Amino acid sequence: MIAALWLSLTASPGLASDENLPIRPFRARILRVVDGDTVWVKNLASGRRVKVRIWGIDTPEKFPSRKLSRDARRCHVDAESIRRLGREASLAAMRLLDRRVVEVIPEGRGYYGRLLARIVIPPDLDFGKWMIENGYACIYRRNREAEAVYGPALRQAETHARGLWRETRLMMCLCR
Protein backbone atom coordinates (compact mmCIF):
# COMPACT_ATOMS: atom_id res chain seq x y z
CA MET A 1 0.00 0.00 0.00
CA ILE A 2 2.76 2.47 0.96
CA ALA A 3 4.74 1.55 -2.16
CA ALA A 4 1.69 2.18 -4.36
CA LEU A 5 1.14 5.57 -2.71
CA TRP A 6 4.81 6.48 -3.22
CA LEU A 7 4.60 5.46 -6.90
CA SER A 8 1.49 7.55 -7.45
CA LEU A 9 3.17 10.59 -5.87
CA THR A 10 6.40 10.25 -7.82
CA ALA A 11 4.55 9.69 -11.08
CA SER A 12 2.93 13.15 -10.95
CA PRO A 13 3.87 14.83 -14.22
CA GLY A 14 6.29 17.70 -13.82
CA LEU A 15 6.56 17.45 -10.03
CA ALA A 16 9.39 16.34 -7.77
CA SER A 17 8.23 13.77 -5.25
CA ASP A 18 9.87 15.13 -2.09
CA GLU A 19 8.88 18.80 -2.11
CA ASN A 20 6.28 18.89 -4.87
CA LEU A 21 8.61 21.17 -6.81
CA PRO A 22 8.41 21.28 -10.60
CA ILE A 23 11.11 19.30 -12.40
CA ARG A 24 10.21 20.24 -15.98
CA PRO A 25 10.26 23.70 -17.56
CA PHE A 26 7.02 25.64 -17.20
CA ARG A 27 5.58 29.00 -18.17
CA ALA A 28 4.92 31.37 -15.30
CA ARG A 29 4.03 34.92 -14.48
CA ILE A 30 6.36 36.85 -12.18
CA LEU A 31 4.28 37.79 -9.14
CA ARG A 32 6.92 39.45 -6.99
CA VAL A 33 10.64 40.17 -7.02
CA VAL A 34 11.86 39.45 -3.48
CA ASP A 35 15.41 40.54 -4.18
CA GLY A 36 17.87 40.36 -7.06
CA ASP A 37 18.10 36.56 -7.03
CA THR A 38 14.72 35.40 -5.68
CA VAL A 39 11.23 35.74 -7.17
CA TRP A 40 7.72 34.42 -6.64
CA VAL A 41 6.04 33.07 -9.78
CA LYS A 42 2.65 31.62 -10.64
CA ASN A 43 2.81 28.46 -12.75
CA LEU A 44 0.40 29.20 -15.62
CA ALA A 45 -0.54 25.53 -16.08
CA SER A 46 -1.17 24.55 -12.45
CA GLY A 47 -1.93 27.92 -10.89
CA ARG A 48 0.55 27.15 -8.09
CA ARG A 49 2.72 29.88 -6.61
CA VAL A 50 6.39 28.93 -6.38
CA LYS A 51 9.33 30.70 -4.77
CA VAL A 52 12.29 30.55 -7.15
CA ARG A 53 15.96 31.10 -6.37
CA ILE A 54 17.69 32.11 -9.61
CA TRP A 55 20.26 29.51 -10.67
CA GLY A 56 23.91 30.51 -10.87
CA ILE A 57 23.74 34.06 -9.51
CA ASP A 58 24.11 35.80 -6.18
CA THR A 59 23.22 39.43 -5.51
CA PRO A 60 24.22 41.56 -2.52
CA GLU A 61 21.97 41.07 0.49
CA LYS A 62 19.00 43.41 0.73
CA PHE A 63 17.66 42.25 4.10
CA PRO A 64 19.39 41.89 7.49
CA SER A 65 20.74 38.35 7.83
CA ARG A 66 23.70 36.33 9.07
CA LYS A 67 25.07 36.29 5.52
CA LEU A 68 24.88 40.10 5.39
CA SER A 69 26.80 40.34 8.67
CA ARG A 70 29.42 37.84 7.44
CA ASP A 71 29.83 39.68 4.13
CA ALA A 72 30.16 43.06 5.88
CA ARG A 73 32.88 41.70 8.22
CA ARG A 74 34.71 39.90 5.42
CA CYS A 75 34.62 42.97 3.13
CA HIS A 76 35.37 45.48 5.93
CA VAL A 77 32.30 47.64 5.24
CA ASP A 78 29.13 48.47 7.13
CA ALA A 79 26.09 46.31 6.38
CA GLU A 80 24.17 49.29 4.99
CA SER A 81 26.69 49.63 2.13
CA ILE A 82 25.88 46.08 1.04
CA ARG A 83 22.13 46.54 1.57
CA ARG A 84 22.22 49.63 -0.67
CA LEU A 85 23.72 47.49 -3.47
CA GLY A 86 21.16 44.78 -2.74
CA ARG A 87 18.30 47.26 -3.15
CA GLU A 88 19.78 48.46 -6.44
CA ALA A 89 20.08 44.86 -7.74
CA SER A 90 16.47 44.22 -6.68
CA LEU A 91 15.29 47.31 -8.52
CA ALA A 92 17.08 46.20 -11.70
CA ALA A 93 15.42 42.77 -11.41
CA MET A 94 12.03 44.37 -10.78
CA ARG A 95 12.33 46.62 -13.82
CA LEU A 96 13.16 43.67 -16.07
CA LEU A 97 10.82 41.01 -14.63
CA ASP A 98 7.80 42.67 -13.05
CA ARG A 99 4.58 40.83 -14.07
CA ARG A 100 6.20 39.28 -17.16
CA VAL A 101 5.40 35.83 -18.45
CA VAL A 102 8.63 33.80 -18.41
CA GLU A 103 9.92 30.28 -18.90
CA VAL A 104 11.11 28.68 -15.64
CA ILE A 105 13.73 25.96 -16.16
CA PRO A 106 14.22 23.97 -12.94
CA GLU A 107 17.80 23.04 -12.02
CA GLY A 108 17.16 21.45 -8.63
CA ARG A 109 16.59 22.61 -5.11
CA GLY A 110 18.54 25.38 -3.39
CA TYR A 111 20.07 25.50 0.07
CA TYR A 112 16.80 26.49 1.79
CA GLY A 113 14.66 24.06 -0.20
CA ARG A 114 13.49 26.61 -2.77
CA LEU A 115 13.21 25.75 -6.42
CA LEU A 116 16.53 26.57 -8.08
CA ALA A 117 15.84 27.58 -11.68
CA ARG A 118 16.86 29.59 -14.68
CA ILE A 119 14.41 32.28 -15.76
CA VAL A 120 14.17 32.94 -19.49
CA ILE A 121 12.34 35.98 -20.82
CA PRO A 122 10.95 35.10 -24.26
CA PRO A 123 12.27 34.60 -26.76
CA ASP A 124 15.66 33.72 -25.20
CA LEU A 125 16.96 36.27 -22.65
CA ASP A 126 18.61 34.45 -19.72
CA PHE A 127 17.73 36.63 -16.72
CA GLY A 128 20.73 35.41 -14.65
CA LYS A 129 23.16 36.21 -17.43
CA TRP A 130 21.54 39.64 -17.91
CA MET A 131 21.96 40.42 -14.19
CA ILE A 132 25.65 39.45 -14.31
CA GLU A 133 26.47 41.15 -17.60
CA ASN A 134 24.83 44.39 -16.46
CA GLY A 135 26.73 44.33 -13.18
CA TYR A 136 23.94 43.52 -10.72
CA ALA A 137 24.97 40.01 -9.69
CA CYS A 138 27.93 37.76 -9.01
CA ILE A 139 28.26 34.13 -10.02
CA TYR A 140 27.12 31.89 -7.18
CA ARG A 141 30.36 30.70 -5.58
CA ARG A 142 29.57 27.01 -5.23
CA ASN A 143 28.48 26.53 -8.84
CA ARG A 144 31.22 25.55 -11.30
CA GLU A 145 28.77 25.13 -14.15
CA ALA A 146 27.57 28.72 -13.65
CA GLU A 147 31.19 29.91 -13.75
CA ALA A 148 31.59 28.26 -17.15
CA VAL A 149 28.32 29.74 -18.46
CA TYR A 150 28.50 33.22 -16.90
CA GLY A 151 32.24 33.82 -16.41
CA PRO A 152 32.77 35.93 -19.55
CA ALA A 153 29.74 38.11 -18.70
CA LEU A 154 31.08 38.75 -15.19
CA ARG A 155 34.53 39.72 -16.47
CA GLN A 156 32.94 42.08 -18.99
CA ALA A 157 30.79 43.79 -16.31
CA GLU A 158 33.84 44.16 -14.06
CA THR A 159 36.07 45.51 -16.85
CA HIS A 160 33.49 48.12 -17.92
CA ALA A 161 32.37 49.01 -14.34
CA ARG A 162 28.74 48.25 -15.16
CA GLY A 163 25.99 48.51 -12.55
CA LEU A 164 27.24 47.73 -9.05
CA TRP A 165 30.80 47.30 -10.35
CA ARG A 166 31.28 51.06 -9.97
CA GLU A 167 31.92 49.94 -6.34
CA THR A 168 34.85 47.86 -7.58
CA ARG A 169 36.51 47.02 -4.26
CA LEU A 170 33.26 45.95 -2.59
CA MET A 171 32.02 43.94 -5.58
CA MET A 172 35.42 42.20 -5.91
CA CYS A 173 35.05 41.11 -2.29
CA LEU A 174 31.42 40.04 -2.64
CA CYS A 175 32.06 38.14 -5.88
CA ARG A 176 35.12 36.21 -4.65
C-alpha atoms as a PDB file:
ATOM      1  CA  MET A   1       0.000   0.000   0.000  1.00  0.00           C
ATOM      2  CA  ILE A   2       2.763   2.468   0.957  1.00  0.00           C
ATOM      3  CA  ALA A   3       4.741   1.545  -2.160  1.00  0.00           C
ATOM      4  CA  ALA A   4       1.687   2.181  -4.357  1.00  0.00           C
ATOM      5  CA  LEU A   5       1.141   5.575  -2.715  1.00  0.00           C
ATOM      6  CA  TRP A   6       4.812   6.476  -3.223  1.00  0.00           C
ATOM      7  CA  LEU A   7       4.604   5.461  -6.898  1.00  0.00           C
ATOM      8  CA  SER A   8       1.490   7.555  -7.445  1.00  0.00           C
ATOM      9  CA  LEU A   9       3.166  10.593  -5.865  1.00  0.00           C
ATOM     10  CA  THR A  10       6.396  10.247  -7.819  1.00  0.00           C
ATOM     11  CA  ALA A  11       4.552   9.687 -11.083  1.00  0.00           C
ATOM     12  CA  SER A  12       2.926  13.147 -10.948  1.00  0.00           C
ATOM     13  CA  PRO A  13       3.865  14.834 -14.225  1.00  0.00           C
ATOM     14  CA  GLY A  14       6.286  17.705 -13.819  1.00  0.00           C
ATOM     15  CA  LEU A  15       6.560  17.454 -10.032  1.00  0.00           C
ATOM     16  CA  ALA A  16       9.388  16.342  -7.774  1.00  0.00           C
ATOM     17  CA  SER A  17       8.233  13.769  -5.245  1.00  0.00           C
ATOM     18  CA  ASP A  18       9.868  15.126  -2.093  1.00  0.00           C
ATOM     19  CA  GLU A  19       8.884  18.805  -2.112  1.00  0.00           C
ATOM     20  CA  ASN A  20       6.279  18.888  -4.869  1.00  0.00           C
ATOM     21  CA  LEU A  21       8.611  21.174  -6.807  1.00  0.00           C
ATOM     22  CA  PRO A  22       8.409  21.278 -10.605  1.00  0.00           C
ATOM     23  CA  ILE A  23      11.114  19.303 -12.397  1.00  0.00           C
ATOM     24  CA  ARG A  24      10.212  20.235 -15.979  1.00  0.00           C
ATOM     25  CA  PRO A  25      10.256  23.700 -17.564  1.00  0.00           C
ATOM     26  CA  PHE A  26       7.017  25.641 -17.205  1.00  0.00           C
ATOM     27  CA  ARG A  27       5.581  29.003 -18.172  1.00  0.00           C
ATOM     28  CA  ALA A  28       4.916  31.366 -15.298  1.00  0.00           C
ATOM     29  CA  ARG A  29       4.030  34.925 -14.480  1.00  0.00           C
ATOM     30  CA  ILE A  30       6.358  36.846 -12.176  1.00  0.00           C
ATOM     31  CA  LEU A  31       4.283  37.790  -9.138  1.00  0.00           C
ATOM     32  CA  ARG A  32       6.924  39.454  -6.995  1.00  0.00           C
ATOM     33  CA  VAL A  33      10.637  40.169  -7.024  1.00  0.00           C
ATOM     34  CA  VAL A  34      11.855  39.446  -3.477  1.00  0.00           C
ATOM     35  CA  ASP A  35      15.410  40.540  -4.179  1.00  0.00           C
ATOM     36  CA  GLY A  36      17.866  40.359  -7.064  1.00  0.00           C
ATOM     37  CA  ASP A  37      18.105  36.564  -7.032  1.00  0.00           C
ATOM     38  CA  THR A  38      14.721  35.398  -5.683  1.00  0.00           C
ATOM     39  CA  VAL A  39      11.234  35.738  -7.167  1.00  0.00           C
ATOM     40  CA  TRP A  40       7.718  34.416  -6.644  1.00  0.00           C
ATOM     41  CA  VAL A  41       6.035  33.068  -9.785  1.00  0.00           C
ATOM     42  CA  LYS A  42       2.650  31.620 -10.644  1.00  0.00           C
ATOM     43  CA  ASN A  43       2.810  28.460 -12.745  1.00  0.00           C
ATOM     44  CA  LEU A  44       0.396  29.200 -15.616  1.00  0.00           C
ATOM     45  CA  ALA A  45      -0.536  25.526 -16.078  1.00  0.00           C
ATOM     46  CA  SER A  46      -1.172  24.548 -12.450  1.00  0.00           C
ATOM     47  CA  GLY A  47      -1.927  27.923 -10.891  1.00  0.00           C
ATOM     48  CA  ARG A  48       0.554  27.147  -8.087  1.00  0.00           C
ATOM     49  CA  ARG A  49       2.720  29.885  -6.607  1.00  0.00           C
ATOM     50  CA  VAL A  50       6.386  28.926  -6.384  1.00  0.00           C
ATOM     51  CA  LYS A  51       9.329  30.699  -4.771  1.00  0.00           C
ATOM     52  CA  VAL A  52      12.291  30.546  -7.151  1.00  0.00           C
ATOM     53  CA  ARG A  53      15.965  31.104  -6.365  1.00  0.00           C
ATOM     54  CA  ILE A  54      17.685  32.111  -9.606  1.00  0.00           C
ATOM     55  CA  TRP A  55      20.260  29.506 -10.668  1.00  0.00           C
ATOM     56  CA  GLY A  56      23.910  30.514 -10.870  1.00  0.00           C
ATOM     57  CA  ILE A  57      23.743  34.057  -9.508  1.00  0.00           C
ATOM     58  CA  ASP A  58      24.106  35.799  -6.180  1.00  0.00           C
ATOM     59  CA  THR A  59      23.221  39.434  -5.506  1.00  0.00           C
ATOM     60  CA  PRO A  60      24.225  41.564  -2.518  1.00  0.00           C
ATOM     61  CA  GLU A  61      21.966  41.066   0.488  1.00  0.00           C
ATOM     62  CA  LYS A  62      18.997  43.409   0.725  1.00  0.00           C
ATOM     63  CA  PHE A  63      17.663  42.253   4.099  1.00  0.00           C
ATOM     64  CA  PRO A  64      19.388  41.895   7.488  1.00  0.00           C
ATOM     65  CA  SER A  65      20.740  38.348   7.834  1.00  0.00           C
ATOM     66  CA  ARG A  66      23.701  36.331   9.069  1.00  0.00           C
ATOM     67  CA  LYS A  67      25.071  36.288   5.519  1.00  0.00           C
ATOM     68  CA  LEU A  68      24.880  40.095   5.385  1.00  0.00           C
ATOM     69  CA  SER A  69      26.805  40.344   8.674  1.00  0.00           C
ATOM     70  CA  ARG A  70      29.420  37.837   7.440  1.00  0.00           C
ATOM     71  CA  ASP A  71      29.831  39.678   4.134  1.00  0.00           C
ATOM     72  CA  ALA A  72      30.163  43.061   5.883  1.00  0.00           C
ATOM     73  CA  ARG A  73      32.884  41.699   8.221  1.00  0.00           C
ATOM     74  CA  ARG A  74      34.707  39.901   5.417  1.00  0.00           C
ATOM     75  CA  CYS A  75      34.622  42.972   3.128  1.00  0.00           C
ATOM     76  CA  HIS A  76      35.372  45.482   5.925  1.00  0.00           C
ATOM     77  CA  VAL A  77      32.301  47.643   5.245  1.00  0.00           C
ATOM     78  CA  ASP A  78      29.132  48.470   7.125  1.00  0.00           C
ATOM     79  CA  ALA A  79      26.091  46.310   6.379  1.00  0.00           C
ATOM     80  CA  GLU A  80      24.167  49.286   4.991  1.00  0.00           C
ATOM     81  CA  SER A  81      26.687  49.631   2.127  1.00  0.00           C
ATOM     82  CA  ILE A  82      25.881  46.085   1.045  1.00  0.00           C
ATOM     83  CA  ARG A  83      22.127  46.542   1.565  1.00  0.00           C
ATOM     84  CA  ARG A  84      22.222  49.628  -0.673  1.00  0.00           C
ATOM     85  CA  LEU A  85      23.719  47.493  -3.470  1.00  0.00           C
ATOM     86  CA  GLY A  86      21.155  44.782  -2.743  1.00  0.00           C
ATOM     87  CA  ARG A  87      18.302  47.259  -3.145  1.00  0.00           C
ATOM     88  CA  GLU A  88      19.781  48.461  -6.438  1.00  0.00           C
ATOM     89  CA  ALA A  89      20.076  44.863  -7.738  1.00  0.00           C
ATOM     90  CA  SER A  90      16.466  44.219  -6.684  1.00  0.00           C
ATOM     91  CA  LEU A  91      15.294  47.314  -8.517  1.00  0.00           C
ATOM     92  CA  ALA A  92      17.080  46.200 -11.696  1.00  0.00           C
ATOM     93  CA  ALA A  93      15.415  42.771 -11.406  1.00  0.00           C
ATOM     94  CA  MET A  94      12.030  44.371 -10.780  1.00  0.00           C
ATOM     95  CA  ARG A  95      12.326  46.618 -13.824  1.00  0.00           C
ATOM     96  CA  LEU A  96      13.156  43.673 -16.067  1.00  0.00           C
ATOM     97  CA  LEU A  97      10.824  41.011 -14.628  1.00  0.00           C
ATOM     98  CA  ASP A  98       7.798  42.672 -13.049  1.00  0.00           C
ATOM     99  CA  ARG A  99       4.576  40.835 -14.069  1.00  0.00           C
ATOM    100  CA  ARG A 100       6.197  39.281 -17.158  1.00  0.00           C
ATOM    101  CA  VAL A 101       5.403  35.826 -18.451  1.00  0.00           C
ATOM    102  CA  VAL A 102       8.629  33.799 -18.413  1.00  0.00           C
ATOM    103  CA  GLU A 103       9.915  30.277 -18.898  1.00  0.00           C
ATOM    104  CA  VAL A 104      11.111  28.681 -15.640  1.00  0.00           C
ATOM    105  CA  ILE A 105      13.730  25.964 -16.158  1.00  0.00           C
ATOM    106  CA  PRO A 106      14.224  23.971 -12.943  1.00  0.00           C
ATOM    107  CA  GLU A 107      17.803  23.041 -12.025  1.00  0.00           C
ATOM    108  CA  GLY A 108      17.163  21.450  -8.625  1.00  0.00           C
ATOM    109  CA  ARG A 109      16.590  22.611  -5.106  1.00  0.00           C
ATOM    110  CA  GLY A 110      18.541  25.383  -3.390  1.00  0.00           C
ATOM    111  CA  TYR A 111      20.073  25.495   0.075  1.00  0.00           C
ATOM    112  CA  TYR A 112      16.803  26.493   1.789  1.00  0.00           C
ATOM    113  CA  GLY A 113      14.661  24.064  -0.202  1.00  0.00           C
ATOM    114  CA  ARG A 114      13.491  26.615  -2.767  1.00  0.00           C
ATOM    115  CA  LEU A 115      13.211  25.748  -6.423  1.00  0.00           C
ATOM    116  CA  LEU A 116      16.532  26.568  -8.077  1.00  0.00           C
ATOM    117  CA  ALA A 117      15.840  27.576 -11.677  1.00  0.00           C
ATOM    118  CA  ARG A 118      16.865  29.591 -14.680  1.00  0.00           C
ATOM    119  CA  ILE A 119      14.410  32.279 -15.761  1.00  0.00           C
ATOM    120  CA  VAL A 120      14.173  32.939 -19.491  1.00  0.00           C
ATOM    121  CA  ILE A 121      12.336  35.976 -20.819  1.00  0.00           C
ATOM    122  CA  PRO A 122      10.952  35.097 -24.260  1.00  0.00           C
ATOM    123  CA  PRO A 123      12.267  34.600 -26.763  1.00  0.00           C
ATOM    124  CA  ASP A 124      15.663  33.719 -25.197  1.00  0.00           C
ATOM    125  CA  LEU A 125      16.960  36.268 -22.651  1.00  0.00           C
ATOM    126  CA  ASP A 126      18.607  34.453 -19.723  1.00  0.00           C
ATOM    127  CA  PHE A 127      17.732  36.628 -16.718  1.00  0.00           C
ATOM    128  CA  GLY A 128      20.726  35.414 -14.648  1.00  0.00           C
ATOM    129  CA  LYS A 129      23.159  36.208 -17.428  1.00  0.00           C
ATOM    130  CA  TRP A 130      21.543  39.637 -17.906  1.00  0.00           C
ATOM    131  CA  MET A 131      21.961  40.424 -14.186  1.00  0.00           C
ATOM    132  CA  ILE A 132      25.648  39.453 -14.307  1.00  0.00           C
ATOM    133  CA  GLU A 133      26.467  41.145 -17.601  1.00  0.00           C
ATOM    134  CA  ASN A 134      24.827  44.389 -16.460  1.00  0.00           C
ATOM    135  CA  GLY A 135      26.734  44.326 -13.178  1.00  0.00           C
ATOM    136  CA  TYR A 136      23.936  43.523 -10.719  1.00  0.00           C
ATOM    137  CA  ALA A 137      24.974  40.014  -9.693  1.00  0.00           C
ATOM    138  CA  CYS A 138      27.933  37.760  -9.009  1.00  0.00           C
ATOM    139  CA  ILE A 139      28.260  34.130 -10.021  1.00  0.00           C
ATOM    140  CA  TYR A 140      27.118  31.886  -7.184  1.00  0.00           C
ATOM    141  CA  ARG A 141      30.364  30.700  -5.581  1.00  0.00           C
ATOM    142  CA  ARG A 142      29.570  27.014  -5.233  1.00  0.00           C
ATOM    143  CA  ASN A 143      28.478  26.528  -8.837  1.00  0.00           C
ATOM    144  CA  ARG A 144      31.220  25.555 -11.296  1.00  0.00           C
ATOM    145  CA  GLU A 145      28.773  25.131 -14.152  1.00  0.00           C
ATOM    146  CA  ALA A 146      27.567  28.715 -13.655  1.00  0.00           C
ATOM    147  CA  GLU A 147      31.192  29.907 -13.752  1.00  0.00           C
ATOM    148  CA  ALA A 148      31.593  28.259 -17.149  1.00  0.00           C
ATOM    149  CA  VAL A 149      28.319  29.738 -18.456  1.00  0.00           C
ATOM    150  CA  TYR A 150      28.501  33.222 -16.902  1.00  0.00           C
ATOM    151  CA  GLY A 151      32.244  33.823 -16.408  1.00  0.00           C
ATOM    152  CA  PRO A 152      32.769  35.928 -19.554  1.00  0.00           C
ATOM    153  CA  ALA A 153      29.741  38.110 -18.701  1.00  0.00           C
ATOM    154  CA  LEU A 154      31.083  38.750 -15.188  1.00  0.00           C
ATOM    155  CA  ARG A 155      34.527  39.717 -16.467  1.00  0.00           C
ATOM    156  CA  GLN A 156      32.937  42.082 -18.989  1.00  0.00           C
ATOM    157  CA  ALA A 157      30.792  43.793 -16.307  1.00  0.00           C
ATOM    158  CA  GLU A 158      33.837  44.160 -14.057  1.00  0.00           C
ATOM    159  CA  THR A 159      36.069  45.510 -16.850  1.00  0.00           C
ATOM    160  CA  HIS A 160      33.490  48.115 -17.921  1.00  0.00           C
ATOM    161  CA  ALA A 161      32.372  49.012 -14.337  1.00  0.00           C
ATOM    162  CA  ARG A 162      28.738  48.253 -15.158  1.00  0.00           C
ATOM    163  CA  GLY A 163      25.993  48.505 -12.553  1.00  0.00           C
ATOM    164  CA  LEU A 164      27.244  47.728  -9.054  1.00  0.00           C
ATOM    165  CA  TRP A 165      30.801  47.301 -10.349  1.00  0.00           C
ATOM    166  CA  ARG A 166      31.281  51.058  -9.966  1.00  0.00           C
ATOM    167  CA  GLU A 167      31.918  49.939  -6.343  1.00  0.00           C
ATOM    168  CA  THR A 168      34.850  47.860  -7.577  1.00  0.00           C
ATOM    169  CA  ARG A 169      36.511  47.019  -4.256  1.00  0.00           C
ATOM    170  CA  LEU A 170      33.261  45.947  -2.592  1.00  0.00           C
ATOM    171  CA  MET A 171      32.025  43.936  -5.581  1.00  0.00           C
ATOM    172  CA  MET A 172      35.415  42.198  -5.910  1.00  0.00           C
ATOM    173  CA  CYS A 173      35.055  41.111  -2.290  1.00  0.00           C
ATOM    174  CA  LEU A 174      31.421  40.038  -2.639  1.00  0.00           C
ATOM    175  CA  CYS A 175      32.064  38.138  -5.878  1.00  0.00           C
ATOM    176  CA  ARG A 176      35.118  36.212  -4.649  1.00  0.00           C
END
